[in-house]
Amino acid sequence: MVLSKEGTLYHRKDGKYFLYIPTDMTKDSQFPFQNIKKGETQKVMIHVSTVQGILIVTPIEVDVSGGKG
């Protein structure tokens, strides 16, 4: 079980940030984004806890009509 692992936060020259998640973490049965296929994207909600100094990333469920579900 890999529920905690070091990743990388990358700040590009164009101002965008990317969060790299290690592959072995994504293969864990409890990884919340397992249904994403290669080449697909998943909308996420990013919460910032300034008290704890952490980011919390959760999937946004979308129904088949395209609305938030």
Protein backbone atom coordinates (compact mmCIF):
# COMPACT_ATOMS: atom_id res chain seq x y z
CA MET A 1 0.00 0.00 0.00
CA VAL A 2 1.48 3.35 -1.09
CA LEU A 3 -0.58 6.16 0.42
CA SER A 4 2.29 8.56 1.06
CA LYS A 5 5.17 9.25 -1.31
CA GLU A 6 7.37 12.12 -2.42
CA GLY A 7 6.27 13.82 -5.64
CA THR A 8 7.27 17.01 -7.44
CA LEU A 9 5.62 20.40 -7.77
CA TYR A 10 6.91 22.09 -10.92
CA HIS A 11 6.52 25.82 -11.69
CA ARG A 12 6.79 26.37 -15.43
CA LYS A 13 8.11 29.52 -17.08
CA ASP A 14 4.57 30.32 -18.30
CA GLY A 15 3.38 30.53 -14.68
CA LYS A 16 1.51 27.21 -14.57
CA TYR A 17 2.11 24.67 -11.82
CA PHE A 18 2.11 20.90 -12.31
CA LEU A 19 1.98 18.28 -9.58
CA TYR A 20 3.73 15.02 -10.47
CA ILE A 21 2.46 11.94 -8.65
CA PRO A 22 4.69 8.84 -8.57
CA THR A 23 3.42 5.98 -10.74
CA ASP A 24 3.52 3.36 -7.97
CA MET A 25 1.19 5.55 -5.90
CA THR A 26 -1.34 5.69 -8.75
CA LYS A 27 -1.39 1.89 -8.94
CA ASP A 28 -2.46 1.51 -5.30
CA SER A 29 -6.00 0.13 -4.96
CA GLN A 30 -6.98 3.09 -2.75
CA PHE A 31 -5.77 5.78 -5.19
CA PRO A 32 -8.88 7.96 -5.82
CA PHE A 33 -8.20 8.65 -9.52
CA GLN A 34 -7.83 5.09 -10.86
CA ASN A 35 -10.53 5.44 -13.53
CA ILE A 36 -8.52 7.94 -15.58
CA LYS A 37 -7.22 6.34 -18.78
CA LYS A 38 -3.95 7.40 -20.44
CA GLY A 39 -4.47 10.64 -22.34
CA GLU A 40 -7.62 11.57 -20.37
CA THR A 41 -8.07 14.32 -17.82
CA GLN A 42 -10.02 14.56 -14.56
CA LYS A 43 -11.39 17.76 -13.08
CA VAL A 44 -10.27 18.16 -9.46
CA MET A 45 -10.99 20.47 -6.57
CA ILE A 46 -7.88 21.78 -4.82
CA HIS A 47 -8.25 22.88 -1.21
CA VAL A 48 -5.50 24.80 0.58
CA SER A 49 -5.15 24.49 4.34
CA THR A 50 -3.02 27.40 5.46
CA VAL A 51 -3.15 26.18 9.05
CA GLN A 52 -1.69 22.76 8.19
CA GLY A 53 0.32 23.94 5.17
CA ILE A 54 -1.14 21.26 2.87
CA LEU A 55 -3.00 20.84 -0.42
CA ILE A 56 -5.96 18.47 -0.61
CA VAL A 57 -6.87 17.28 -4.12
CA THR A 58 -10.26 15.62 -4.62
CA PRO A 59 -11.99 14.46 -7.80
CA ILE A 60 -14.98 16.41 -9.10
CA GLU A 61 -17.72 14.02 -10.19
CA VAL A 62 -19.34 14.96 -13.50
CA ASP A 63 -22.62 13.39 -14.68
CA VAL A 64 -23.21 12.28 -18.28
CA SER A 65 -25.08 15.50 -19.14
CA GLY A 66 -21.90 17.44 -18.40
CA GLY A 67 -23.06 19.05 -15.16
CA LYS A 68 -21.42 18.68 -11.80
CA GLY A 69 -22.81 15.71 -10.02
